[in-house]
C-alpha cells in the first residue's frame, strides 16, 4: 500500500531542501554527504533516500524548486501595461526579493553543473531561459533596436543585468546602507542609461 502524503508534506519538503542547500553550499557538492544532510535536516537517512534516491536528485530538486518559485514570482509581477521603466524595475525588484535568504540555493545552482545529468541540466537550462525571457521581452519592448540582426545586443544587455542581480549575494548585506529596493533602482537605471550609449 502506498504511503499517504502528510498534510504538511510541502512545508517539510521545503525545509529539507533548505537544509540540504545549506550543507551543499558550505561543504561543496563532492564533500557533502547524504548522512550530513539527513542530520542537518533532522530526518533519518532512509527517509531522505525515500524522497531523493541520490545526491544528484537532491541537488536537482533544490535548484528546480528555487527556479520554480522565482518563475512563479516573475509571472505574477510581470505587467506589460506598466510604464516600461516601472515594468523592468518591478521585475528586478522581484528577483532581488526572491534572492533574500536564498544564498545557499543560489550557490548550489551556480556550482551544480558537474553533479547533474545532461537531462537534468537541460531541464534547468529551460527554466533559466524562461526566467530570462521576462527581462529580454521587457527590454526589447523598450528598445527594439537592441534586437537587430546586424548588431544583436538584446542578449548581452539582458545577461549584463543578470550579472548585476546574480552576484549580489557576494557583497549585499540586509540592514546595510543600501536596501534591496534601492539596489533594484540602481541596477535598472544602470542598464537603461547604459543602453542609450551602446545601442
C-alpha atoms as a PDB file:
ATOM      1  CA  UNK A   1       0.000   0.000   0.000  1.00  0.00           C
ATOM      2  CA  UNK A   2       1.381   3.411  -0.994  1.00  0.00           C
ATOM      3  CA  UNK A   3       2.370   5.843   1.712  1.00  0.00           C
ATOM      4  CA  UNK A   4      -0.165   8.656   2.171  1.00  0.00           C
ATOM      5  CA  UNK A   5       1.209  12.168   1.895  1.00  0.00           C
ATOM      6  CA  UNK A   6       1.186  14.159   5.144  1.00  0.00           C
ATOM      7  CA  UNK A   7      -0.748  17.426   5.162  1.00  0.00           C
ATOM      8  CA  UNK A   8       2.455  19.337   5.857  1.00  0.00           C
ATOM      9  CA  UNK A   9       4.467  17.455   3.227  1.00  0.00           C
ATOM     10  CA  UNK A  10       5.271  20.507   1.083  1.00  0.00           C
ATOM     11  CA  UNK A  11       6.370  22.530   4.104  1.00  0.00           C
ATOM     12  CA  UNK A  12       8.618  19.712   5.322  1.00  0.00           C
ATOM     13  CA  UNK A  13       9.996  19.164   1.834  1.00  0.00           C
ATOM     14  CA  UNK A  14      10.802  22.852   1.512  1.00  0.00           C
ATOM     15  CA  UNK A  15      12.579  22.816   4.868  1.00  0.00           C
ATOM     16  CA  UNK A  16      14.537  19.709   3.906  1.00  0.00           C
ATOM     17  CA  UNK A  17      15.687  21.343   0.651  1.00  0.00           C
ATOM     18  CA  UNK A  18      16.796  24.452   2.538  1.00  0.00           C
ATOM     19  CA  UNK A  19      18.790  22.329   4.989  1.00  0.00           C
ATOM     20  CA  UNK A  20      20.344  20.360   2.141  1.00  0.00           C
ATOM     21  CA  UNK A  21      21.246  23.562   0.271  1.00  0.00           C
ATOM     22  CA  UNK A  22      22.986  24.853   3.411  1.00  0.00           C
ATOM     23  CA  UNK A  23      25.130  21.715   3.602  1.00  0.00           C
ATOM     24  CA  UNK A  24      25.979  21.741  -0.109  1.00  0.00           C
ATOM     25  CA  UNK A  25      26.815  25.460  -0.005  1.00  0.00           C
ATOM     26  CA  UNK A  26      29.145  25.093   2.974  1.00  0.00           C
ATOM     27  CA  UNK A  27      30.711  21.702   2.205  1.00  0.00           C
ATOM     28  CA  UNK A  28      30.667  21.646  -1.587  1.00  0.00           C
ATOM     29  CA  UNK A  29      28.928  19.154  -3.848  1.00  0.00           C
ATOM     30  CA  UNK A  30      31.615  16.493  -3.599  1.00  0.00           C
ATOM     31  CA  UNK A  31      32.260  16.582   0.151  1.00  0.00           C
ATOM     32  CA  UNK A  32      28.658  16.871   1.333  1.00  0.00           C
ATOM     33  CA  UNK A  33      27.136  13.504   2.179  1.00  0.00           C
ATOM     34  CA  UNK A  34      23.555  12.330   2.423  1.00  0.00           C
ATOM     35  CA  UNK A  35      24.281  11.425   6.062  1.00  0.00           C
ATOM     36  CA  UNK A  36      25.304  15.019   6.840  1.00  0.00           C
ATOM     37  CA  UNK A  37      22.205  16.333   5.112  1.00  0.00           C
ATOM     38  CA  UNK A  38      19.907  13.929   6.986  1.00  0.00           C
ATOM     39  CA  UNK A  39      21.478  15.009  10.296  1.00  0.00           C
ATOM     40  CA  UNK A  40      21.161  18.716   9.407  1.00  0.00           C
ATOM     41  CA  UNK A  41      17.522  18.230   8.389  1.00  0.00           C
ATOM     42  CA  UNK A  42      16.692  16.137  11.457  1.00  0.00           C
ATOM     43  CA  UNK A  43      15.425  13.190   9.421  1.00  0.00           C
ATOM     44  CA  UNK A  44      16.573   9.615   9.011  1.00  0.00           C
ATOM     45  CA  UNK A  45      18.831   8.768   6.084  1.00  0.00           C
ATOM     46  CA  UNK A  46      16.248   6.222   4.912  1.00  0.00           C
ATOM     47  CA  UNK A  47      13.554   8.914   4.781  1.00  0.00           C
ATOM     48  CA  UNK A  48      15.888  11.233   2.857  1.00  0.00           C
ATOM     49  CA  UNK A  49      16.581   8.459   0.342  1.00  0.00           C
ATOM     50  CA  UNK A  50      12.855   7.740   0.098  1.00  0.00           C
ATOM     51  CA  UNK A  51      12.256  11.202  -1.367  1.00  0.00           C
ATOM     52  CA  UNK A  52      15.622  11.717  -3.066  1.00  0.00           C
ATOM     53  CA  UNK A  53      17.273   8.454  -4.160  1.00  0.00           C
ATOM     54  CA  UNK A  54      20.629  10.073  -4.942  1.00  0.00           C
ATOM     55  CA  UNK A  55      22.680  13.168  -4.256  1.00  0.00           C
ATOM     56  CA  UNK A  56      22.214  14.464  -7.793  1.00  0.00           C
ATOM     57  CA  UNK A  57      18.432  14.061  -7.449  1.00  0.00           C
ATOM     58  CA  UNK A  58      18.573  16.172  -4.295  1.00  0.00           C
ATOM     59  CA  UNK A  59      20.761  18.828  -5.916  1.00  0.00           C
ATOM     60  CA  UNK A  60      18.399  18.955  -8.897  1.00  0.00           C
ATOM     61  CA  UNK A  61      15.390  19.289  -6.572  1.00  0.00           C
ATOM     62  CA  UNK A  62      16.999  22.241  -4.756  1.00  0.00           C
ATOM     63  CA  UNK A  63      17.631  24.121  -7.997  1.00  0.00           C
ATOM     64  CA  UNK A  64      14.300  23.160  -9.558  1.00  0.00           C
ATOM     65  CA  UNK A  65      12.318  24.352  -6.529  1.00  0.00           C
ATOM     66  CA  UNK A  66      14.327  27.594  -6.366  1.00  0.00           C
ATOM     67  CA  UNK A  67      13.780  28.385 -10.051  1.00  0.00           C
ATOM     68  CA  UNK A  68      10.137  27.322  -9.911  1.00  0.00           C
ATOM     69  CA  UNK A  69       9.479  29.818  -7.121  1.00  0.00           C
ATOM     70  CA  UNK A  70      11.365  32.546  -8.982  1.00  0.00           C
ATOM     71  CA  UNK A  71       9.464  31.937 -12.220  1.00  0.00           C
ATOM     72  CA  UNK A  72       6.113  31.996 -10.396  1.00  0.00           C
ATOM     73  CA  UNK A  73       7.037  35.293  -8.710  1.00  0.00           C
ATOM     74  CA  UNK A  74       8.126  36.843 -12.013  1.00  0.00           C
ATOM     75  CA  UNK A  75       4.986  35.644 -13.780  1.00  0.00           C
ATOM     76  CA  UNK A  76       2.866  37.358 -11.140  1.00  0.00           C
ATOM     77  CA  UNK A  77       4.985  40.521 -11.210  1.00  0.00           C
ATOM     78  CA  UNK A  78       5.342  40.985 -14.973  1.00  0.00           C
ATOM     79  CA  UNK A  79       2.812  43.575 -16.119  1.00  0.00           C
ATOM     80  CA  UNK A  80       3.184  44.774 -19.743  1.00  0.00           C
ATOM     81  CA  UNK A  81       0.657  47.556 -19.067  1.00  0.00           C
ATOM     82  CA  UNK A  82       3.050  49.329 -16.691  1.00  0.00           C
ATOM     83  CA  UNK A  83       5.280  52.133 -17.988  1.00  0.00           C
ATOM     84  CA  UNK A  84       8.420  50.420 -19.385  1.00  0.00           C
ATOM     85  CA  UNK A  85      10.799  51.645 -16.661  1.00  0.00           C
ATOM     86  CA  UNK A  86       8.360  50.589 -13.926  1.00  0.00           C
ATOM     87  CA  UNK A  87       7.871  47.187 -15.526  1.00  0.00           C
ATOM     88  CA  UNK A  88      11.593  46.461 -15.593  1.00  0.00           C
ATOM     89  CA  UNK A  89      12.103  47.846 -12.094  1.00  0.00           C
ATOM     90  CA  UNK A  90       9.356  45.567 -10.811  1.00  0.00           C
ATOM     91  CA  UNK A  91      10.985  42.530 -12.421  1.00  0.00           C
ATOM     92  CA  UNK A  92      14.404  43.391 -10.979  1.00  0.00           C
ATOM     93  CA  UNK A  93      12.869  44.004  -7.543  1.00  0.00           C
ATOM     94  CA  UNK A  94      11.103  40.639  -7.738  1.00  0.00           C
ATOM     95  CA  UNK A  95      14.352  38.785  -8.407  1.00  0.00           C
ATOM     96  CA  UNK A  96      16.235  40.579  -5.642  1.00  0.00           C
ATOM     97  CA  UNK A  97      13.417  39.883  -3.196  1.00  0.00           C
ATOM     98  CA  UNK A  98      13.327  36.216  -4.249  1.00  0.00           C
ATOM     99  CA  UNK A  99      17.058  36.047  -3.545  1.00  0.00           C
ATOM    100  CA  UNK A 100      16.507  37.204   0.047  1.00  0.00           C
ATOM    101  CA  UNK A 101      17.582  34.298   2.247  1.00  0.00           C
ATOM    102  CA  UNK A 102      18.322  32.153  -0.816  1.00  0.00           C
ATOM    103  CA  UNK A 103      22.124  32.466  -0.915  1.00  0.00           C
ATOM    104  CA  UNK A 104      22.590  28.739  -0.330  1.00  0.00           C
ATOM    105  CA  UNK A 105      20.245  27.726  -3.150  1.00  0.00           C
ATOM    106  CA  UNK A 106      21.928  30.254  -5.398  1.00  0.00           C
ATOM    107  CA  UNK A 107      25.383  28.818  -4.667  1.00  0.00           C
ATOM    108  CA  UNK A 108      24.097  25.315  -5.368  1.00  0.00           C
ATOM    109  CA  UNK A 109      22.696  26.490  -8.706  1.00  0.00           C
ATOM    110  CA  UNK A 110      25.961  28.165  -9.697  1.00  0.00           C
ATOM    111  CA  UNK A 111      28.166  25.184  -8.768  1.00  0.00           C
ATOM    112  CA  UNK A 112      25.978  22.171  -9.525  1.00  0.00           C
ATOM    113  CA  UNK A 113      26.960  21.595 -13.158  1.00  0.00           C
ATOM    114  CA  UNK A 114      29.265  18.556 -12.712  1.00  0.00           C
ATOM    115  CA  UNK A 115      26.805  16.882 -10.329  1.00  0.00           C
ATOM    116  CA  UNK A 116      23.865  16.868 -12.750  1.00  0.00           C
ATOM    117  CA  UNK A 117      22.997  14.589 -15.643  1.00  0.00           C
ATOM    118  CA  UNK A 118      22.591  16.001 -19.149  1.00  0.00           C
ATOM    119  CA  UNK A 119      18.821  15.589 -18.854  1.00  0.00           C
ATOM    120  CA  UNK A 120      18.752  17.473 -15.549  1.00  0.00           C
ATOM    121  CA  UNK A 121      20.956  20.225 -16.978  1.00  0.00           C
ATOM    122  CA  UNK A 122      18.616  20.577 -19.950  1.00  0.00           C
ATOM    123  CA  UNK A 123      15.591  20.992 -17.678  1.00  0.00           C
ATOM    124  CA  UNK A 124      17.369  23.598 -15.554  1.00  0.00           C
ATOM    125  CA  UNK A 125      18.535  25.476 -18.658  1.00  0.00           C
ATOM    126  CA  UNK A 126      14.983  25.653 -19.995  1.00  0.00           C
ATOM    127  CA  UNK A 127      13.735  27.059 -16.689  1.00  0.00           C
ATOM    128  CA  UNK A 128      16.545  29.619 -16.664  1.00  0.00           C
ATOM    129  CA  UNK A 129      15.698  30.653 -20.226  1.00  0.00           C
ATOM    130  CA  UNK A 130      12.063  31.179 -19.279  1.00  0.00           C
ATOM    131  CA  UNK A 131      13.143  33.435 -16.420  1.00  0.00           C
ATOM    132  CA  UNK A 132      15.488  35.396 -18.699  1.00  0.00           C
ATOM    133  CA  UNK A 133      12.675  35.857 -21.264  1.00  0.00           C
ATOM    134  CA  UNK A 134      10.720  38.091 -18.886  1.00  0.00           C
ATOM    135  CA  UNK A 135      13.619  40.533 -18.960  1.00  0.00           C
ATOM    136  CA  UNK A 136      14.590  40.254 -22.614  1.00  0.00           C
ATOM    137  CA  UNK A 137      10.987  40.873 -23.681  1.00  0.00           C
ATOM    138  CA  UNK A 138      10.677  43.892 -21.395  1.00  0.00           C
ATOM    139  CA  UNK A 139      13.976  45.313 -22.678  1.00  0.00           C
ATOM    140  CA  UNK A 140      13.061  44.631 -26.307  1.00  0.00           C
ATOM    141  CA  UNK A 141       9.693  46.346 -25.859  1.00  0.00           C
ATOM    142  CA  UNK A 142      11.524  49.437 -24.582  1.00  0.00           C
ATOM    143  CA  UNK A 143      14.402  49.285 -27.034  1.00  0.00           C
ATOM    144  CA  UNK A 144      13.544  47.232 -30.145  1.00  0.00           C
ATOM    145  CA  UNK A 145      16.792  48.435 -31.733  1.00  0.00           C
ATOM    146  CA  UNK A 146      18.656  46.080 -29.390  1.00  0.00           C
ATOM    147  CA  UNK A 147      17.249  43.129 -31.334  1.00  0.00           C
ATOM    148  CA  UNK A 148      18.675  43.961 -34.753  1.00  0.00           C
ATOM    149  CA  UNK A 149      20.407  41.160 -36.731  1.00  0.00           C
ATOM    150  CA  UNK A 150      23.292  43.411 -37.755  1.00  0.00           C
ATOM    151  CA  UNK A 151      24.109  44.261 -34.119  1.00  0.00           C
ATOM    152  CA  UNK A 152      22.318  41.853 -31.755  1.00  0.00           C
ATOM    153  CA  UNK A 153      22.618  43.472 -28.335  1.00  0.00           C
ATOM    154  CA  UNK A 154      19.463  42.219 -26.626  1.00  0.00           C
ATOM    155  CA  UNK A 155      21.022  39.115 -25.057  1.00  0.00           C
ATOM    156  CA  UNK A 156      24.284  40.793 -23.961  1.00  0.00           C
ATOM    157  CA  UNK A 157      22.332  43.609 -22.297  1.00  0.00           C
ATOM    158  CA  UNK A 158      19.883  41.180 -20.676  1.00  0.00           C
ATOM    159  CA  UNK A 159      22.650  38.980 -19.318  1.00  0.00           C
ATOM    160  CA  UNK A 160      24.575  42.024 -18.073  1.00  0.00           C
ATOM    161  CA  UNK A 161      21.531  42.830 -15.953  1.00  0.00           C
ATOM    162  CA  UNK A 162      21.519  39.252 -14.641  1.00  0.00           C
ATOM    163  CA  UNK A 163      25.185  39.646 -13.799  1.00  0.00           C
ATOM    164  CA  UNK A 164      24.277  42.539 -11.533  1.00  0.00           C
ATOM    165  CA  UNK A 165      21.474  40.559  -9.902  1.00  0.00           C
ATOM    166  CA  UNK A 166      23.015  37.098  -9.647  1.00  0.00           C
ATOM    167  CA  UNK A 167      26.230  38.148  -7.928  1.00  0.00           C
ATOM    168  CA  UNK A 168      24.572  40.453  -5.409  1.00  0.00           C
ATOM    169  CA  UNK A 169      24.852  37.715  -2.759  1.00  0.00           C
ATOM    170  CA  UNK A 170      28.638  38.160  -2.811  1.00  0.00           C
ATOM    171  CA  UNK A 171      28.522  41.658  -1.327  1.00  0.00           C
ATOM    172  CA  UNK A 172      24.985  42.686  -0.356  1.00  0.00           C
ATOM    173  CA  UNK A 173      24.001  42.626   3.321  1.00  0.00           C
ATOM    174  CA  UNK A 174      20.452  43.191   4.536  1.00  0.00           C
ATOM    175  CA  UNK A 175      20.413  46.044   7.012  1.00  0.00           C
ATOM    176  CA  UNK A 176      23.342  47.757   5.310  1.00  0.00           C
ATOM    177  CA  UNK A 177      23.476  51.252   3.856  1.00  0.00           C
ATOM    178  CA  UNK A 178      21.510  50.273   0.775  1.00  0.00           C
ATOM    179  CA  UNK A 179      18.262  48.316   0.636  1.00  0.00           C
ATOM    180  CA  UNK A 180      17.251  45.736  -1.939  1.00  0.00           C
ATOM    181  CA  UNK A 181      14.723  48.219  -3.256  1.00  0.00           C
ATOM    182  CA  UNK A 182      17.444  50.859  -3.641  1.00  0.00           C
ATOM    183  CA  UNK A 183      19.720  48.438  -5.444  1.00  0.00           C
ATOM    184  CA  UNK A 184      16.897  47.393  -7.775  1.00  0.00           C
ATOM    185  CA  UNK A 185      16.617  51.038  -8.800  1.00  0.00           C
ATOM    186  CA  UNK A 186      20.384  51.322  -9.306  1.00  0.00           C
ATOM    187  CA  UNK A 187      20.601  48.170 -11.455  1.00  0.00           C
ATOM    188  CA  UNK A 188      17.596  49.210 -13.544  1.00  0.00           C
ATOM    189  CA  UNK A 189      18.994  52.695 -14.107  1.00  0.00           C
ATOM    190  CA  UNK A 190      22.474  51.432 -14.971  1.00  0.00           C
ATOM    191  CA  UNK A 191      21.038  49.145 -17.656  1.00  0.00           C
ATOM    192  CA  UNK A 192      18.608  51.645 -19.158  1.00  0.00           C
ATOM    193  CA  UNK A 193      21.089  54.520 -19.165  1.00  0.00           C
ATOM    194  CA  UNK A 194      23.810  52.231 -20.478  1.00  0.00           C
ATOM    195  CA  UNK A 195      21.566  51.106 -23.351  1.00  0.00           C
ATOM    196  CA  UNK A 196      21.484  54.703 -24.567  1.00  0.00           C
ATOM    197  CA  UNK A 197      25.247  54.649 -25.005  1.00  0.00           C
ATOM    198  CA  UNK A 198      25.601  51.246 -26.685  1.00  0.00           C
ATOM    199  CA  UNK A 199      22.514  50.957 -28.893  1.00  0.00           C
END
